[in-house]
């Protein structure tokens, strides 16, 4: 039977706690603005689940008038809200009843703007869109 002194055990826990406390960045909240012809706004919250490899949860909450049983496609686009492109970099769970949650494992992010957009049911027009803050993976010196 291996005996660990209480002091060594406490030190190991403290070290683990410090390592963990330094890891996950704070949640990022992206304001989703109504797009032309839409009155639907909301927020997308990006919370870090793990850092290496990176895993994030993207939770979308919309407010406005929409049909609860309809599915509104959503995604993360390497684009601007003015022109969110046909294919998302990361497809998100369609928004139903004003909510959607997706676990995303981001790979390398290309430089340039990214947006989170929610489309009409046909997927032809963005209803709500918000720009992601610039993601920096390198550590500040």
C-alpha atoms as a PDB file:
ATOM      1  CA  UNK A   1       0.000   0.000   0.000  1.00  0.00           C
ATOM      2  CA  UNK A   2       1.413   3.392  -0.970  1.00  0.00           C
ATOM      3  CA  UNK A   3       1.225   6.032   1.734  1.00  0.00           C
ATOM      4  CA  UNK A   4       1.328   9.669   0.688  1.00  0.00           C
ATOM      5  CA  UNK A   5       1.960  12.189   3.402  1.00  0.00           C
ATOM      6  CA  UNK A   6      -0.868  14.676   3.888  1.00  0.00           C
ATOM      7  CA  UNK A   7       1.529  17.504   3.067  1.00  0.00           C
ATOM      8  CA  UNK A   8       2.599  15.989  -0.272  1.00  0.00           C
ATOM      9  CA  UNK A   9      -1.030  15.308  -1.121  1.00  0.00           C
ATOM     10  CA  UNK A  10      -2.022  18.923  -0.326  1.00  0.00           C
ATOM     11  CA  UNK A  11       0.899  20.232  -2.404  1.00  0.00           C
ATOM     12  CA  UNK A  12      -0.128  18.032  -5.368  1.00  0.00           C
ATOM     13  CA  UNK A  13      -3.713  19.271  -5.110  1.00  0.00           C
ATOM     14  CA  UNK A  14      -2.576  22.886  -4.903  1.00  0.00           C
ATOM     15  CA  UNK A  15      -0.358  22.450  -7.980  1.00  0.00           C
ATOM     16  CA  UNK A  16      -3.234  20.861  -9.910  1.00  0.00           C
ATOM     17  CA  UNK A  17      -5.537  23.662  -8.789  1.00  0.00           C
ATOM     18  CA  UNK A  18      -3.125  26.356  -9.951  1.00  0.00           C
ATOM     19  CA  UNK A  19      -2.638  24.661 -13.317  1.00  0.00           C
ATOM     20  CA  UNK A  20      -6.394  24.362 -13.783  1.00  0.00           C
ATOM     21  CA  UNK A  21      -7.190  27.889 -12.620  1.00  0.00           C
ATOM     22  CA  UNK A  22      -4.798  29.309 -15.206  1.00  0.00           C
ATOM     23  CA  UNK A  23      -6.295  27.371 -18.089  1.00  0.00           C
ATOM     24  CA  UNK A  24      -9.827  28.145 -19.239  1.00  0.00           C
ATOM     25  CA  UNK A  25     -10.249  31.687 -20.536  1.00  0.00           C
ATOM     26  CA  UNK A  26     -13.417  33.528 -19.528  1.00  0.00           C
ATOM     27  CA  UNK A  27     -16.563  32.987 -21.565  1.00  0.00           C
ATOM     28  CA  UNK A  28     -16.841  35.072 -24.713  1.00  0.00           C
ATOM     29  CA  UNK A  29     -20.271  36.597 -25.348  1.00  0.00           C
ATOM     30  CA  UNK A  30     -21.011  37.627 -28.927  1.00  0.00           C
ATOM     31  CA  UNK A  31     -23.967  39.958 -29.464  1.00  0.00           C
ATOM     32  CA  UNK A  32     -26.061  38.776 -32.401  1.00  0.00           C
ATOM     33  CA  UNK A  33     -27.613  41.701 -34.252  1.00  0.00           C
ATOM     34  CA  UNK A  34     -30.738  41.518 -36.420  1.00  0.00           C
ATOM     35  CA  UNK A  35     -29.836  41.433 -40.104  1.00  0.00           C
ATOM     36  CA  UNK A  36     -31.724  43.361 -42.826  1.00  0.00           C
ATOM     37  CA  UNK A  37     -35.342  42.187 -42.947  1.00  0.00           C
ATOM     38  CA  UNK A  38     -35.146  40.520 -39.535  1.00  0.00           C
ATOM     39  CA  UNK A  39     -36.015  41.640 -36.013  1.00  0.00           C
ATOM     40  CA  UNK A  40     -34.299  38.738 -34.257  1.00  0.00           C
ATOM     41  CA  UNK A  41     -31.346  39.466 -31.997  1.00  0.00           C
ATOM     42  CA  UNK A  42     -29.647  37.414 -29.331  1.00  0.00           C
ATOM     43  CA  UNK A  43     -26.344  36.257 -27.933  1.00  0.00           C
ATOM     44  CA  UNK A  44     -23.882  33.468 -28.574  1.00  0.00           C
ATOM     45  CA  UNK A  45     -21.796  32.427 -25.570  1.00  0.00           C
ATOM     46  CA  UNK A  46     -18.552  30.568 -26.198  1.00  0.00           C
ATOM     47  CA  UNK A  47     -17.324  28.706 -23.138  1.00  0.00           C
ATOM     48  CA  UNK A  48     -14.075  26.769 -23.047  1.00  0.00           C
ATOM     49  CA  UNK A  49     -14.404  23.126 -22.035  1.00  0.00           C
ATOM     50  CA  UNK A  50     -10.773  22.163 -22.678  1.00  0.00           C
ATOM     51  CA  UNK A  51      -7.681  23.889 -24.003  1.00  0.00           C
ATOM     52  CA  UNK A  52      -5.472  21.155 -25.405  1.00  0.00           C
ATOM     53  CA  UNK A  53      -6.914  20.109 -27.768  1.00  0.00           C
ATOM     54  CA  UNK A  54      -9.337  23.047 -27.713  1.00  0.00           C
ATOM     55  CA  UNK A  55     -13.007  22.270 -27.118  1.00  0.00           C
ATOM     56  CA  UNK A  56     -15.664  24.958 -26.745  1.00  0.00           C
ATOM     57  CA  UNK A  57     -19.413  24.994 -26.195  1.00  0.00           C
ATOM     58  CA  UNK A  58     -21.304  27.517 -28.309  1.00  0.00           C
ATOM     59  CA  UNK A  59     -24.720  28.397 -26.838  1.00  0.00           C
ATOM     60  CA  UNK A  60     -27.047  30.581 -28.881  1.00  0.00           C
ATOM     61  CA  UNK A  61     -30.042  32.291 -27.286  1.00  0.00           C
ATOM     62  CA  UNK A  62     -32.283  34.321 -29.589  1.00  0.00           C
ATOM     63  CA  UNK A  63     -35.048  36.682 -28.681  1.00  0.00           C
ATOM     64  CA  UNK A  64     -37.705  37.758 -31.092  1.00  0.00           C
ATOM     65  CA  UNK A  65     -40.714  36.232 -32.762  1.00  0.00           C
ATOM     66  CA  UNK A  66     -40.111  32.900 -34.438  1.00  0.00           C
ATOM     67  CA  UNK A  67     -41.956  29.612 -34.834  1.00  0.00           C
ATOM     68  CA  UNK A  68     -40.828  27.333 -31.972  1.00  0.00           C
ATOM     69  CA  UNK A  69     -40.822  24.075 -33.937  1.00  0.00           C
ATOM     70  CA  UNK A  70     -38.853  25.482 -36.863  1.00  0.00           C
ATOM     71  CA  UNK A  71     -35.145  24.787 -37.147  1.00  0.00           C
ATOM     72  CA  UNK A  72     -32.955  27.773 -37.966  1.00  0.00           C
ATOM     73  CA  UNK A  73     -29.533  26.752 -39.323  1.00  0.00           C
ATOM     74  CA  UNK A  74     -26.548  28.291 -37.545  1.00  0.00           C
ATOM     75  CA  UNK A  75     -22.812  28.240 -38.018  1.00  0.00           C
ATOM     76  CA  UNK A  76     -19.456  29.881 -37.504  1.00  0.00           C
ATOM     77  CA  UNK A  77     -18.378  31.517 -40.757  1.00  0.00           C
ATOM     78  CA  UNK A  78     -14.989  32.816 -41.874  1.00  0.00           C
ATOM     79  CA  UNK A  79     -16.613  35.993 -43.179  1.00  0.00           C
ATOM     80  CA  UNK A  80     -18.337  39.210 -42.170  1.00  0.00           C
ATOM     81  CA  UNK A  81     -22.005  39.659 -41.254  1.00  0.00           C
ATOM     82  CA  UNK A  82     -22.531  41.544 -44.514  1.00  0.00           C
ATOM     83  CA  UNK A  83     -21.729  38.370 -46.449  1.00  0.00           C
ATOM     84  CA  UNK A  84     -21.619  35.199 -44.340  1.00  0.00           C
ATOM     85  CA  UNK A  85     -20.823  32.814 -47.214  1.00  0.00           C
ATOM     86  CA  UNK A  86     -22.562  29.553 -48.120  1.00  0.00           C
ATOM     87  CA  UNK A  87     -20.543  27.066 -46.064  1.00  0.00           C
ATOM     88  CA  UNK A  88     -19.773  27.425 -42.362  1.00  0.00           C
ATOM     89  CA  UNK A  89     -16.326  26.611 -40.990  1.00  0.00           C
ATOM     90  CA  UNK A  90     -18.187  25.004 -38.090  1.00  0.00           C
ATOM     91  CA  UNK A  91     -21.789  23.908 -38.394  1.00  0.00           C
ATOM     92  CA  UNK A  92     -23.751  24.586 -35.200  1.00  0.00           C
ATOM     93  CA  UNK A  93     -26.857  22.808 -33.944  1.00  0.00           C
ATOM     94  CA  UNK A  94     -29.896  24.475 -35.566  1.00  0.00           C
ATOM     95  CA  UNK A  95     -31.684  26.914 -33.259  1.00  0.00           C
ATOM     96  CA  UNK A  96     -35.055  25.576 -32.082  1.00  0.00           C
ATOM     97  CA  UNK A  97     -37.320  27.436 -29.665  1.00  0.00           C
ATOM     98  CA  UNK A  98     -34.753  30.215 -29.543  1.00  0.00           C
ATOM     99  CA  UNK A  99     -31.863  28.043 -28.248  1.00  0.00           C
ATOM    100  CA  UNK A 100     -29.024  25.921 -29.543  1.00  0.00           C
ATOM    101  CA  UNK A 101     -25.935  24.392 -27.964  1.00  0.00           C
ATOM    102  CA  UNK A 102     -23.052  22.829 -29.859  1.00  0.00           C
ATOM    103  CA  UNK A 103     -19.741  21.365 -28.718  1.00  0.00           C
ATOM    104  CA  UNK A 104     -17.073  22.464 -31.203  1.00  0.00           C
ATOM    105  CA  UNK A 105     -13.485  21.274 -31.515  1.00  0.00           C
ATOM    106  CA  UNK A 106     -11.881  24.213 -33.312  1.00  0.00           C
ATOM    107  CA  UNK A 107      -8.867  23.407 -35.431  1.00  0.00           C
ATOM    108  CA  UNK A 108      -6.554  26.049 -36.838  1.00  0.00           C
ATOM    109  CA  UNK A 109      -8.327  29.362 -37.250  1.00  0.00           C
ATOM    110  CA  UNK A 110      -7.523  31.257 -40.447  1.00  0.00           C
ATOM    111  CA  UNK A 111      -6.613  34.903 -39.984  1.00  0.00           C
ATOM    112  CA  UNK A 112      -9.412  37.343 -40.624  1.00  0.00           C
ATOM    113  CA  UNK A 113     -12.939  37.876 -39.387  1.00  0.00           C
ATOM    114  CA  UNK A 114     -15.270  35.175 -38.106  1.00  0.00           C
ATOM    115  CA  UNK A 115     -18.965  35.535 -37.408  1.00  0.00           C
ATOM    116  CA  UNK A 116     -21.703  33.443 -35.843  1.00  0.00           C
ATOM    117  CA  UNK A 117     -24.816  33.602 -38.002  1.00  0.00           C
ATOM    118  CA  UNK A 118     -28.324  32.178 -37.646  1.00  0.00           C
ATOM    119  CA  UNK A 119     -30.234  31.780 -40.909  1.00  0.00           C
ATOM    120  CA  UNK A 120     -33.874  31.597 -41.914  1.00  0.00           C
ATOM    121  CA  UNK A 121     -35.325  28.072 -42.124  1.00  0.00           C
ATOM    122  CA  UNK A 122     -34.399  27.808 -45.819  1.00  0.00           C
ATOM    123  CA  UNK A 123     -30.782  28.716 -44.986  1.00  0.00           C
ATOM    124  CA  UNK A 124     -30.796  31.451 -47.632  1.00  0.00           C
ATOM    125  CA  UNK A 125     -30.637  34.623 -45.519  1.00  0.00           C
ATOM    126  CA  UNK A 126     -28.940  35.473 -42.235  1.00  0.00           C
ATOM    127  CA  UNK A 127     -31.505  36.573 -39.626  1.00  0.00           C
ATOM    128  CA  UNK A 128     -29.079  37.295 -36.817  1.00  0.00           C
ATOM    129  CA  UNK A 129     -25.297  37.680 -36.878  1.00  0.00           C
ATOM    130  CA  UNK A 130     -22.413  38.748 -34.664  1.00  0.00           C
ATOM    131  CA  UNK A 131     -18.670  39.104 -35.156  1.00  0.00           C
ATOM    132  CA  UNK A 132     -16.326  36.999 -33.043  1.00  0.00           C
ATOM    133  CA  UNK A 133     -13.575  38.849 -31.243  1.00  0.00           C
ATOM    134  CA  UNK A 134     -10.187  38.110 -32.757  1.00  0.00           C
ATOM    135  CA  UNK A 135      -8.922  34.802 -31.424  1.00  0.00           C
ATOM    136  CA  UNK A 136      -5.278  34.815 -30.413  1.00  0.00           C
ATOM    137  CA  UNK A 137      -3.665  31.472 -29.671  1.00  0.00           C
ATOM    138  CA  UNK A 138      -0.164  32.769 -29.073  1.00  0.00           C
ATOM    139  CA  UNK A 139       0.751  33.754 -25.514  1.00  0.00           C
ATOM    140  CA  UNK A 140       1.386  37.405 -24.727  1.00  0.00           C
ATOM    141  CA  UNK A 141       4.991  38.171 -23.839  1.00  0.00           C
END
